[in-house]
């Protein structure tokens, strides 16, 4: 057996049901957004639930950044796993204000163990105007931003997101995507993001795992996988300089000059590249 890489998530699960078997053996990066991508019924949510400990997988193995959460001798129960879980439905407490929903996540963690703090999460997700409101007063996109904030304020070592935009209309998705895109820059923890939307994967993902019928059929850099699938690719870029009407960008070590963009040196951007027919 290979020695676990402390900078990876190692997940091996076999879940057998009457008409379906999930059988995966994965080694995932411990930073950035990994998209679990594939059609409905391919095993994405089952895999996410197994990682959370909500789906029992006897004989399974899960190691997160060198710490075993499940193996032949260990099974850390779901409530003891240092993870945040954002569901398709927001599952906010309807009787609590936005502030109290957010505090619920934060109060679960002793102050000296908190790795993400109130001010930074509230500022990043633009939640200040919503703090005094009740969940029923929020739009769908606003409720999901609060759900993400509550998960992050629990200072997780791993963030799981199960199709968090699937229940939103196009306007709400467009509203929240820029906030989720900042996960690349703001978080030093890994994010596992379940989706069957190629557009979301192209916008958000760094790493891609493609599932079909409970098996992994491809994994690697998201841009490479999307190209193989014939999908428009998104790339992260950093603004290097502004020069006489031109913006100079660094894209994975390559330099690109574009007509002037509204940005300043050091800013991070996402660029979409499309093939012409």
C-alpha atoms as a PDB file:
ATOM      1  CA  UNK A   1       0.000   0.000   0.000  1.00  0.00           C
ATOM      2  CA  UNK A   2       1.282   3.468  -0.896  1.00  0.00           C
ATOM      3  CA  UNK A   3       2.232   5.802   1.948  1.00  0.00           C
ATOM      4  CA  UNK A   4      -0.375   8.590   2.199  1.00  0.00           C
ATOM      5  CA  UNK A   5       0.756  11.981   0.953  1.00  0.00           C
ATOM      6  CA  UNK A   6       0.138  14.442   3.824  1.00  0.00           C
ATOM      7  CA  UNK A   7      -0.761  17.089   1.232  1.00  0.00           C
ATOM      8  CA  UNK A   8      -3.618  15.075  -0.241  1.00  0.00           C
ATOM      9  CA  UNK A   9      -7.041  13.701   0.530  1.00  0.00           C
ATOM     10  CA  UNK A  10      -6.996   9.918   0.092  1.00  0.00           C
ATOM     11  CA  UNK A  11     -10.477   8.422  -0.282  1.00  0.00           C
ATOM     12  CA  UNK A  12     -11.274   4.796  -1.026  1.00  0.00           C
ATOM     13  CA  UNK A  13     -14.906   3.715  -0.789  1.00  0.00           C
ATOM     14  CA  UNK A  14     -17.109   0.899  -2.012  1.00  0.00           C
ATOM     15  CA  UNK A  15     -20.830   1.362  -1.409  1.00  0.00           C
ATOM     16  CA  UNK A  16     -23.093  -1.404  -2.725  1.00  0.00           C
ATOM     17  CA  UNK A  17     -26.798  -0.900  -3.298  1.00  0.00           C
ATOM     18  CA  UNK A  18     -29.387  -2.988  -5.083  1.00  0.00           C
ATOM     19  CA  UNK A  19     -29.016  -1.270  -8.463  1.00  0.00           C
ATOM     20  CA  UNK A  20     -25.838   0.754  -7.997  1.00  0.00           C
ATOM     21  CA  UNK A  21     -22.254   0.379  -6.757  1.00  0.00           C
ATOM     22  CA  UNK A  22     -19.885   3.223  -5.945  1.00  0.00           C
ATOM     23  CA  UNK A  23     -16.283   2.037  -6.216  1.00  0.00           C
ATOM     24  CA  UNK A  24     -13.623   4.768  -6.078  1.00  0.00           C
ATOM     25  CA  UNK A  25      -9.995   5.176  -5.038  1.00  0.00           C
ATOM     26  CA  UNK A  26      -9.001   8.845  -5.149  1.00  0.00           C
ATOM     27  CA  UNK A  27      -6.046  11.050  -4.257  1.00  0.00           C
ATOM     28  CA  UNK A  28      -7.158  14.672  -4.308  1.00  0.00           C
ATOM     29  CA  UNK A  29      -5.279  17.956  -3.734  1.00  0.00           C
ATOM     30  CA  UNK A  30      -5.648  19.476  -0.278  1.00  0.00           C
ATOM     31  CA  UNK A  31      -6.129  22.993  -1.612  1.00  0.00           C
ATOM     32  CA  UNK A  32      -8.349  24.582  -4.242  1.00  0.00           C
ATOM     33  CA  UNK A  33     -11.691  23.432  -5.623  1.00  0.00           C
ATOM     34  CA  UNK A  34     -12.128  19.858  -6.819  1.00  0.00           C
ATOM     35  CA  UNK A  35     -15.305  19.352  -8.826  1.00  0.00           C
ATOM     36  CA  UNK A  36     -17.028  15.960  -8.689  1.00  0.00           C
ATOM     37  CA  UNK A  37     -18.721  16.026 -12.073  1.00  0.00           C
ATOM     38  CA  UNK A  38     -21.071  13.729 -13.923  1.00  0.00           C
ATOM     39  CA  UNK A  39     -24.710  12.990 -14.749  1.00  0.00           C
ATOM     40  CA  UNK A  40     -27.404  12.486 -12.141  1.00  0.00           C
ATOM     41  CA  UNK A  41     -27.126   9.093 -10.465  1.00  0.00           C
ATOM     42  CA  UNK A  42     -23.389   8.630 -11.120  1.00  0.00           C
ATOM     43  CA  UNK A  43     -22.467   8.624  -7.411  1.00  0.00           C
ATOM     44  CA  UNK A  44     -21.352  12.210  -6.740  1.00  0.00           C
ATOM     45  CA  UNK A  45     -23.538  12.798  -3.681  1.00  0.00           C
ATOM     46  CA  UNK A  46     -22.977   9.267  -2.371  1.00  0.00           C
ATOM     47  CA  UNK A  47     -19.227   9.917  -2.477  1.00  0.00           C
ATOM     48  CA  UNK A  48     -19.635  13.250  -0.703  1.00  0.00           C
ATOM     49  CA  UNK A  49     -21.794  11.646   2.006  1.00  0.00           C
ATOM     50  CA  UNK A  50     -19.214   8.870   2.479  1.00  0.00           C
ATOM     51  CA  UNK A  51     -16.516  11.504   2.968  1.00  0.00           C
ATOM     52  CA  UNK A  52     -18.740  13.246   5.520  1.00  0.00           C
ATOM     53  CA  UNK A  53     -19.328   9.953   7.347  1.00  0.00           C
ATOM     54  CA  UNK A  54     -23.070  10.107   6.617  1.00  0.00           C
ATOM     55  CA  UNK A  55     -22.901   7.119   4.260  1.00  0.00           C
ATOM     56  CA  UNK A  56     -21.386   4.093   5.966  1.00  0.00           C
ATOM     57  CA  UNK A  57     -18.891   2.323   3.716  1.00  0.00           C
ATOM     58  CA  UNK A  58     -17.443  -0.709   5.568  1.00  0.00           C
ATOM     59  CA  UNK A  59     -13.811  -1.247   4.616  1.00  0.00           C
ATOM     60  CA  UNK A  60     -13.503   2.312   3.363  1.00  0.00           C
ATOM     61  CA  UNK A  61     -10.553   4.603   3.977  1.00  0.00           C
ATOM     62  CA  UNK A  62     -10.329   8.389   4.276  1.00  0.00           C
ATOM     63  CA  UNK A  63      -7.218  10.378   5.160  1.00  0.00           C
ATOM     64  CA  UNK A  64      -7.384  14.185   5.183  1.00  0.00           C
ATOM     65  CA  UNK A  65      -4.027  15.976   5.180  1.00  0.00           C
ATOM     66  CA  UNK A  66      -2.350  13.061   6.950  1.00  0.00           C
ATOM     67  CA  UNK A  67      -5.116  12.483   9.545  1.00  0.00           C
ATOM     68  CA  UNK A  68      -7.160   9.260   9.246  1.00  0.00           C
ATOM     69  CA  UNK A  69     -10.899   9.832   9.488  1.00  0.00           C
ATOM     70  CA  UNK A  70     -11.752   6.257   8.482  1.00  0.00           C
ATOM     71  CA  UNK A  71      -9.771   3.051   8.106  1.00  0.00           C
ATOM     72  CA  UNK A  72      -9.787  -0.501   9.469  1.00  0.00           C
ATOM     73  CA  UNK A  73      -9.362   0.796  13.053  1.00  0.00           C
ATOM     74  CA  UNK A  74     -10.810   4.312  13.011  1.00  0.00           C
ATOM     75  CA  UNK A  75     -14.199   5.796  12.201  1.00  0.00           C
ATOM     76  CA  UNK A  76     -14.542   9.443  13.161  1.00  0.00           C
ATOM     77  CA  UNK A  77     -18.295  10.160  13.457  1.00  0.00           C
ATOM     78  CA  UNK A  78     -19.736  12.928  11.257  1.00  0.00           C
ATOM     79  CA  UNK A  79     -20.094  15.472  14.080  1.00  0.00           C
ATOM     80  CA  UNK A  80     -16.408  15.030  14.988  1.00  0.00           C
ATOM     81  CA  UNK A  81     -15.092  15.550  11.444  1.00  0.00           C
ATOM     82  CA  UNK A  82     -13.718  19.047  10.925  1.00  0.00           C
ATOM     83  CA  UNK A  83     -15.740  19.759   7.823  1.00  0.00           C
ATOM     84  CA  UNK A  84     -18.381  22.161   6.580  1.00  0.00           C
ATOM     85  CA  UNK A  85     -21.270  20.908   4.449  1.00  0.00           C
ATOM     86  CA  UNK A  86     -23.332  23.134   2.143  1.00  0.00           C
ATOM     87  CA  UNK A  87     -26.400  21.378   0.751  1.00  0.00           C
ATOM     88  CA  UNK A  88     -28.510  22.022  -2.335  1.00  0.00           C
ATOM     89  CA  UNK A  89     -31.200  23.407  -0.030  1.00  0.00           C
ATOM     90  CA  UNK A  90     -29.782  25.985   2.351  1.00  0.00           C
ATOM     91  CA  UNK A  91     -31.084  24.369   5.582  1.00  0.00           C
ATOM     92  CA  UNK A  92     -30.808  27.620   7.535  1.00  0.00           C
ATOM     93  CA  UNK A  93     -32.646  27.654  10.859  1.00  0.00           C
ATOM     94  CA  UNK A  94     -35.843  29.566   9.945  1.00  0.00           C
ATOM     95  CA  UNK A  95     -36.463  30.796  13.504  1.00  0.00           C
ATOM     96  CA  UNK A  96     -32.996  32.358  13.808  1.00  0.00           C
ATOM     97  CA  UNK A  97     -31.770  35.613  12.302  1.00  0.00           C
ATOM     98  CA  UNK A  98     -28.926  35.647   9.800  1.00  0.00           C
ATOM     99  CA  UNK A  99     -26.552  36.678  12.596  1.00  0.00           C
ATOM    100  CA  UNK A 100     -27.611  33.806  14.856  1.00  0.00           C
ATOM    101  CA  UNK A 101     -27.409  31.304  11.993  1.00  0.00           C
ATOM    102  CA  UNK A 102     -23.845  32.424  11.362  1.00  0.00           C
ATOM    103  CA  UNK A 103     -22.958  32.368  15.057  1.00  0.00           C
ATOM    104  CA  UNK A 104     -24.218  28.799  15.284  1.00  0.00           C
ATOM    105  CA  UNK A 105     -21.363  27.672  13.054  1.00  0.00           C
ATOM    106  CA  UNK A 106     -18.780  29.763  14.872  1.00  0.00           C
ATOM    107  CA  UNK A 107     -19.753  28.791  18.431  1.00  0.00           C
ATOM    108  CA  UNK A 108     -19.095  25.116  17.725  1.00  0.00           C
ATOM    109  CA  UNK A 109     -15.349  25.868  17.687  1.00  0.00           C
ATOM    110  CA  UNK A 110     -13.284  27.053  20.684  1.00  0.00           C
ATOM    111  CA  UNK A 111     -11.963  30.566  20.084  1.00  0.00           C
ATOM    112  CA  UNK A 112      -8.303  29.476  20.117  1.00  0.00           C
ATOM    113  CA  UNK A 113      -9.014  26.863  17.393  1.00  0.00           C
ATOM    114  CA  UNK A 114     -10.748  29.166  14.924  1.00  0.00           C
ATOM    115  CA  UNK A 115      -8.936  29.463  11.603  1.00  0.00           C
ATOM    116  CA  UNK A 116     -11.514  31.660   9.885  1.00  0.00           C
ATOM    117  CA  UNK A 117     -12.867  34.706  11.646  1.00  0.00           C
ATOM    118  CA  UNK A 118     -16.105  36.665  11.685  1.00  0.00           C
ATOM    119  CA  UNK A 119     -15.004  39.894  10.013  1.00  0.00           C
ATOM    120  CA  UNK A 120     -13.179  38.244   7.112  1.00  0.00           C
ATOM    121  CA  UNK A 121     -16.013  35.822   6.288  1.00  0.00           C
ATOM    122  CA  UNK A 122     -18.715  38.513   6.562  1.00  0.00           C
ATOM    123  CA  UNK A 123     -16.717  40.902   4.383  1.00  0.00           C
ATOM    124  CA  UNK A 124     -15.776  38.289   1.802  1.00  0.00           C
ATOM    125  CA  UNK A 125     -19.374  37.079   1.306  1.00  0.00           C
ATOM    126  CA  UNK A 126     -20.902  40.570   1.480  1.00  0.00           C
ATOM    127  CA  UNK A 127     -23.163  39.631   4.392  1.00  0.00           C
ATOM    128  CA  UNK A 128     -23.142  42.884   6.396  1.00  0.00           C
ATOM    129  CA  UNK A 129     -26.433  44.204   4.906  1.00  0.00           C
ATOM    130  CA  UNK A 130     -28.148  40.888   5.686  1.00  0.00           C
ATOM    131  CA  UNK A 131     -27.101  40.414   9.319  1.00  0.00           C
ATOM    132  CA  UNK A 132     -30.351  41.636  10.920  1.00  0.00           C
ATOM    133  CA  UNK A 133     -32.697  39.862   8.501  1.00  0.00           C
ATOM    134  CA  UNK A 134     -34.549  36.564   8.834  1.00  0.00           C
ATOM    135  CA  UNK A 135     -33.999  33.731   6.325  1.00  0.00           C
ATOM    136  CA  UNK A 136     -37.471  34.166   4.773  1.00  0.00           C
ATOM    137  CA  UNK A 137     -36.548  37.746   3.841  1.00  0.00           C
ATOM    138  CA  UNK A 138     -33.571  36.651   1.715  1.00  0.00           C
ATOM    139  CA  UNK A 139     -33.312  35.714  -1.932  1.00  0.00           C
ATOM    140  CA  UNK A 140     -32.125  32.215  -2.847  1.00  0.00           C
ATOM    141  CA  UNK A 141     -28.628  33.438  -3.630  1.00  0.00           C
ATOM    142  CA  UNK A 142     -28.448  35.374  -0.365  1.00  0.00           C
ATOM    143  CA  UNK A 143     -29.534  32.321   1.628  1.00  0.00           C
ATOM    144  CA  UNK A 144     -26.785  30.235   0.026  1.00  0.00           C
ATOM    145  CA  UNK A 145     -24.183  32.913   0.839  1.00  0.00           C
ATOM    146  CA  UNK A 146     -25.299  32.730   4.466  1.00  0.00           C
ATOM    147  CA  UNK A 147     -25.112  28.917   4.358  1.00  0.00           C
ATOM    148  CA  UNK A 148     -21.559  29.112   3.006  1.00  0.00           C
ATOM    149  CA  UNK A 149     -20.663  31.641   5.700  1.00  0.00           C
ATOM    150  CA  UNK A 150     -22.072  29.430   8.457  1.00  0.00           C
ATOM    151  CA  UNK A 151     -20.055  26.459   7.169  1.00  0.00           C
ATOM    152  CA  UNK A 152     -16.852  28.495   6.978  1.00  0.00           C
ATOM    153  CA  UNK A 153     -17.259  29.975  10.458  1.00  0.00           C
ATOM    154  CA  UNK A 154     -17.026  26.445  11.857  1.00  0.00           C
ATOM    155  CA  UNK A 155     -13.344  26.617  10.744  1.00  0.00           C
ATOM    156  CA  UNK A 156     -13.455  23.384   8.725  1.00  0.00           C
ATOM    157  CA  UNK A 157     -10.429  21.550   7.368  1.00  0.00           C
ATOM    158  CA  UNK A 158     -12.548  20.450   4.409  1.00  0.00           C
ATOM    159  CA  UNK A 159     -15.566  22.112   2.774  1.00  0.00           C
ATOM    160  CA  UNK A 160     -18.149  19.941   0.995  1.00  0.00           C
ATOM    161  CA  UNK A 161     -20.643  21.568  -1.389  1.00  0.00           C
ATOM    162  CA  UNK A 162     -23.433  19.414  -2.852  1.00  0.00           C
ATOM    163  CA  UNK A 163     -24.838  21.181  -5.936  1.00  0.00           C
ATOM    164  CA  UNK A 164     -25.305  24.433  -3.984  1.00  0.00           C
ATOM    165  CA  UNK A 165     -26.628  26.303  -7.038  1.00  0.00           C
ATOM    166  CA  UNK A 166     -28.987  23.645  -8.407  1.00  0.00           C
ATOM    167  CA  UNK A 167     -32.088  25.089  -6.741  1.00  0.00           C
ATOM    168  CA  UNK A 168     -31.358  28.672  -7.855  1.00  0.00           C
ATOM    169  CA  UNK A 169     -32.607  30.466 -10.944  1.00  0.00           C
ATOM    170  CA  UNK A 170     -30.177  31.942 -13.468  1.00  0.00           C
ATOM    171  CA  UNK A 171     -30.149  35.369 -11.813  1.00  0.00           C
ATOM    172  CA  UNK A 172     -29.370  33.959  -8.370  1.00  0.00           C
ATOM    173  CA  UNK A 173     -26.606  31.740  -9.799  1.00  0.00           C
ATOM    174  CA  UNK A 174     -25.032  34.752 -11.512  1.00  0.00           C
ATOM    175  CA  UNK A 175     -25.192  36.636  -8.203  1.00  0.00           C
ATOM    176  CA  UNK A 176     -23.419  34.008  -6.089  1.00  0.00           C
ATOM    177  CA  UNK A 177     -20.825  32.644  -8.555  1.00  0.00           C
ATOM    178  CA  UNK A 178     -18.382  35.558  -8.120  1.00  0.00           C
ATOM    179  CA  UNK A 179     -18.427  34.983  -4.356  1.00  0.00           C
ATOM    180  CA  UNK A 180     -17.765  31.262  -4.749  1.00  0.00           C
ATOM    181  CA  UNK A 181     -14.993  32.012  -7.235  1.00  0.00           C
ATOM    182  CA  UNK A 182     -13.049  33.685  -4.431  1.00  0.00           C
ATOM    183  CA  UNK A 183     -12.686  30.326  -2.698  1.00  0.00           C
ATOM    184  CA  UNK A 184      -9.468  29.991  -4.726  1.00  0.00           C
ATOM    185  CA  UNK A 185      -7.884  33.053  -3.158  1.00  0.00           C
ATOM    186  CA  UNK A 186      -9.469  33.183   0.293  1.00  0.00           C
ATOM    187  CA  UNK A 187      -9.238  29.615   1.532  1.00  0.00           C
ATOM    188  CA  UNK A 188      -6.253  27.437   2.333  1.00  0.00           C
ATOM    189  CA  UNK A 189      -8.487  24.360   2.735  1.00  0.00           C
ATOM    190  CA  UNK A 190      -9.750  21.982   0.046  1.00  0.00           C
ATOM    191  CA  UNK A 191     -13.265  22.273  -1.355  1.00  0.00           C
ATOM    192  CA  UNK A 192     -15.125  19.315  -2.898  1.00  0.00           C
ATOM    193  CA  UNK A 193     -17.852  20.678  -5.154  1.00  0.00           C
ATOM    194  CA  UNK A 194     -20.530  18.397  -6.604  1.00  0.00           C
ATOM    195  CA  UNK A 195     -22.064  19.516  -9.891  1.00  0.00           C
ATOM    196  CA  UNK A 196     -23.497  18.277 -13.158  1.00  0.00           C
ATOM    197  CA  UNK A 197     -23.168  21.768 -14.674  1.00  0.00           C
ATOM    198  CA  UNK A 198     -20.177  22.143 -16.994  1.00  0.00           C
ATOM    199  CA  UNK A 199     -20.561  25.931 -16.750  1.00  0.00           C
ATOM    200  CA  UNK A 200     -20.126  25.886 -12.957  1.00  0.00           C
ATOM    201  CA  UNK A 201     -17.128  23.576 -13.232  1.00  0.00           C
ATOM    202  CA  UNK A 202     -15.542  25.806 -15.889  1.00  0.00           C
ATOM    203  CA  UNK A 203     -16.039  28.862 -13.673  1.00  0.00           C
ATOM    204  CA  UNK A 204     -14.943  27.428 -10.336  1.00  0.00           C
ATOM    205  CA  UNK A 205     -12.884  24.252 -10.454  1.00  0.00           C
ATOM    206  CA  UNK A 206      -9.107  23.759 -10.241  1.00  0.00           C
ATOM    207  CA  UNK A 207      -9.228  19.935 -10.281  1.00  0.00           C
ATOM    208  CA  UNK A 208     -11.812  17.703 -11.909  1.00  0.00           C
ATOM    209  CA  UNK A 209     -13.047  14.195 -11.156  1.00  0.00           C
ATOM    210  CA  UNK A 210     -15.465  12.757 -13.736  1.00  0.00           C
ATOM    211  CA  UNK A 211     -17.768   9.987 -12.516  1.00  0.00           C
ATOM    212  CA  UNK A 212     -19.917   7.562 -14.470  1.00  0.00           C
ATOM    213  CA  UNK A 213     -21.988   4.755 -12.967  1.00  0.00           C
ATOM    214  CA  UNK A 214     -20.101   4.888  -9.667  1.00  0.00           C
ATOM    215  CA  UNK A 215     -16.605   4.802 -11.209  1.00  0.00           C
ATOM    216  CA  UNK A 216     -13.970   7.449 -11.839  1.00  0.00           C
ATOM    217  CA  UNK A 217     -13.470   7.736 -15.598  1.00  0.00           C
ATOM    218  CA  UNK A 218     -11.074  10.710 -15.589  1.00  0.00           C
ATOM    219  CA  UNK A 219      -9.373  13.093 -13.178  1.00  0.00           C
ATOM    220  CA  UNK A 220      -6.814  15.860 -13.455  1.00  0.00           C
ATOM    221  CA  UNK A 221      -6.605  19.615 -14.020  1.00  0.00           C
ATOM    222  CA  UNK A 222     -10.047  21.072 -14.623  1.00  0.00           C
ATOM    223  CA  UNK A 223      -8.957  22.968 -17.743  1.00  0.00           C
ATOM    224  CA  UNK A 224      -7.605  19.756 -19.303  1.00  0.00           C
ATOM    225  CA  UNK A 225     -10.729  17.794 -18.464  1.00  0.00           C
ATOM    226  CA  UNK A 226     -13.068  20.437 -19.813  1.00  0.00           C
ATOM    227  CA  UNK A 227     -11.088  20.570 -23.042  1.00  0.00           C
ATOM    228  CA  UNK A 228     -11.455  16.797 -23.380  1.00  0.00           C
ATOM    229  CA  UNK A 229     -15.187  17.219 -22.876  1.00  0.00           C
ATOM    230  CA  UNK A 230     -15.342  20.020 -25.451  1.00  0.00           C
ATOM    231  CA  UNK A 231     -16.378  22.560 -22.806  1.00  0.00           C
ATOM    232  CA  UNK A 232     -15.229  26.161 -22.587  1.00  0.00           C
ATOM    233  CA  UNK A 233     -12.345  26.410 -20.107  1.00  0.00           C
ATOM    234  CA  UNK A 234     -11.768  28.961 -17.362  1.00  0.00           C
ATOM    235  CA  UNK A 235      -8.284  29.923 -16.201  1.00  0.00           C
ATOM    236  CA  UNK A 236      -7.054  31.895 -13.204  1.00  0.00           C
ATOM    237  CA  UNK A 237      -4.902  34.898 -14.057  1.00  0.00           C
ATOM    238  CA  UNK A 238      -2.991  37.484 -12.033  1.00  0.00           C
ATOM    239  CA  UNK A 239      -2.640  41.090 -13.128  1.00  0.00           C
ATOM    240  CA  UNK A 240       1.070  41.871 -13.438  1.00  0.00           C
ATOM    241  CA  UNK A 241       0.985  45.433 -14.793  1.00  0.00           C
ATOM    242  CA  UNK A 242      -0.981  48.118 -16.649  1.00  0.00           C
ATOM    243  CA  UNK A 243       0.986  49.460 -19.626  1.00  0.00           C
ATOM    244  CA  UNK A 244      -0.284  52.193 -21.981  1.00  0.00           C
ATOM    245  CA  UNK A 245      -3.707  50.771 -22.662  1.00  0.00           C
ATOM    246  CA  UNK A 246      -2.720  47.153 -22.144  1.00  0.00           C
ATOM    247  CA  UNK A 247      -3.215  44.828 -19.158  1.00  0.00           C
ATOM    248  CA  UNK A 248      -0.419  42.297 -18.618  1.00  0.00           C
ATOM    249  CA  UNK A 249      -1.521  39.001 -17.095  1.00  0.00           C
ATOM    250  CA  UNK A 250       0.270  35.933 -15.767  1.00  0.00           C
ATOM    251  CA  UNK A 251      -1.555  32.654 -16.493  1.00  0.00           C
ATOM    252  CA  UNK A 252       0.178  29.637 -14.972  1.00  0.00           C
ATOM    253  CA  UNK A 253       3.602  31.109 -15.755  1.00  0.00           C
ATOM    254  CA  UNK A 254       2.649  32.385 -19.215  1.00  0.00           C
ATOM    255  CA  UNK A 255       2.348  36.094 -20.035  1.00  0.00           C
ATOM    256  CA  UNK A 256      -0.706  37.443 -21.848  1.00  0.00           C
ATOM    257  CA  UNK A 257      -1.363  41.046 -22.938  1.00  0.00           C
ATOM    258  CA  UNK A 258      -4.984  42.136 -23.341  1.00  0.00           C
ATOM    259  CA  UNK A 259      -6.586  45.504 -24.095  1.00  0.00           C
ATOM    260  CA  UNK A 260      -6.893  47.479 -20.873  1.00  0.00           C
ATOM    261  CA  UNK A 261      -9.057  45.854 -18.168  1.00  0.00           C
ATOM    262  CA  UNK A 262     -10.509  47.498 -15.065  1.00  0.00           C
ATOM    263  CA  UNK A 263      -8.070  45.957 -12.573  1.00  0.00           C
ATOM    264  CA  UNK A 264      -4.927  46.732 -10.643  1.00  0.00           C
ATOM    265  CA  UNK A 265      -1.609  44.855 -10.317  1.00  0.00           C
ATOM    266  CA  UNK A 266      -1.964  41.907  -7.967  1.00  0.00           C
ATOM    267  CA  UNK A 267      -5.672  41.361  -8.674  1.00  0.00           C
ATOM    268  CA  UNK A 268      -6.813  37.837  -9.544  1.00  0.00           C
ATOM    269  CA  UNK A 269      -9.116  37.328 -12.519  1.00  0.00           C
ATOM    270  CA  UNK A 270     -10.885  34.421 -14.181  1.00  0.00           C
ATOM    271  CA  UNK A 271     -10.618  34.276 -17.973  1.00  0.00           C
ATOM    272  CA  UNK A 272     -12.810  32.245 -20.292  1.00  0.00           C
ATOM    273  CA  UNK A 273     -11.329  30.906 -23.520  1.00  0.00           C
ATOM    274  CA  UNK A 274     -13.665  29.772 -26.266  1.00  0.00           C
ATOM    275  CA  UNK A 275     -12.988  27.903 -29.467  1.00  0.00           C
ATOM    276  CA  UNK A 276     -14.346  29.395 -32.680  1.00  0.00           C
ATOM    277  CA  UNK A 277     -16.156  26.946 -34.905  1.00  0.00           C
END
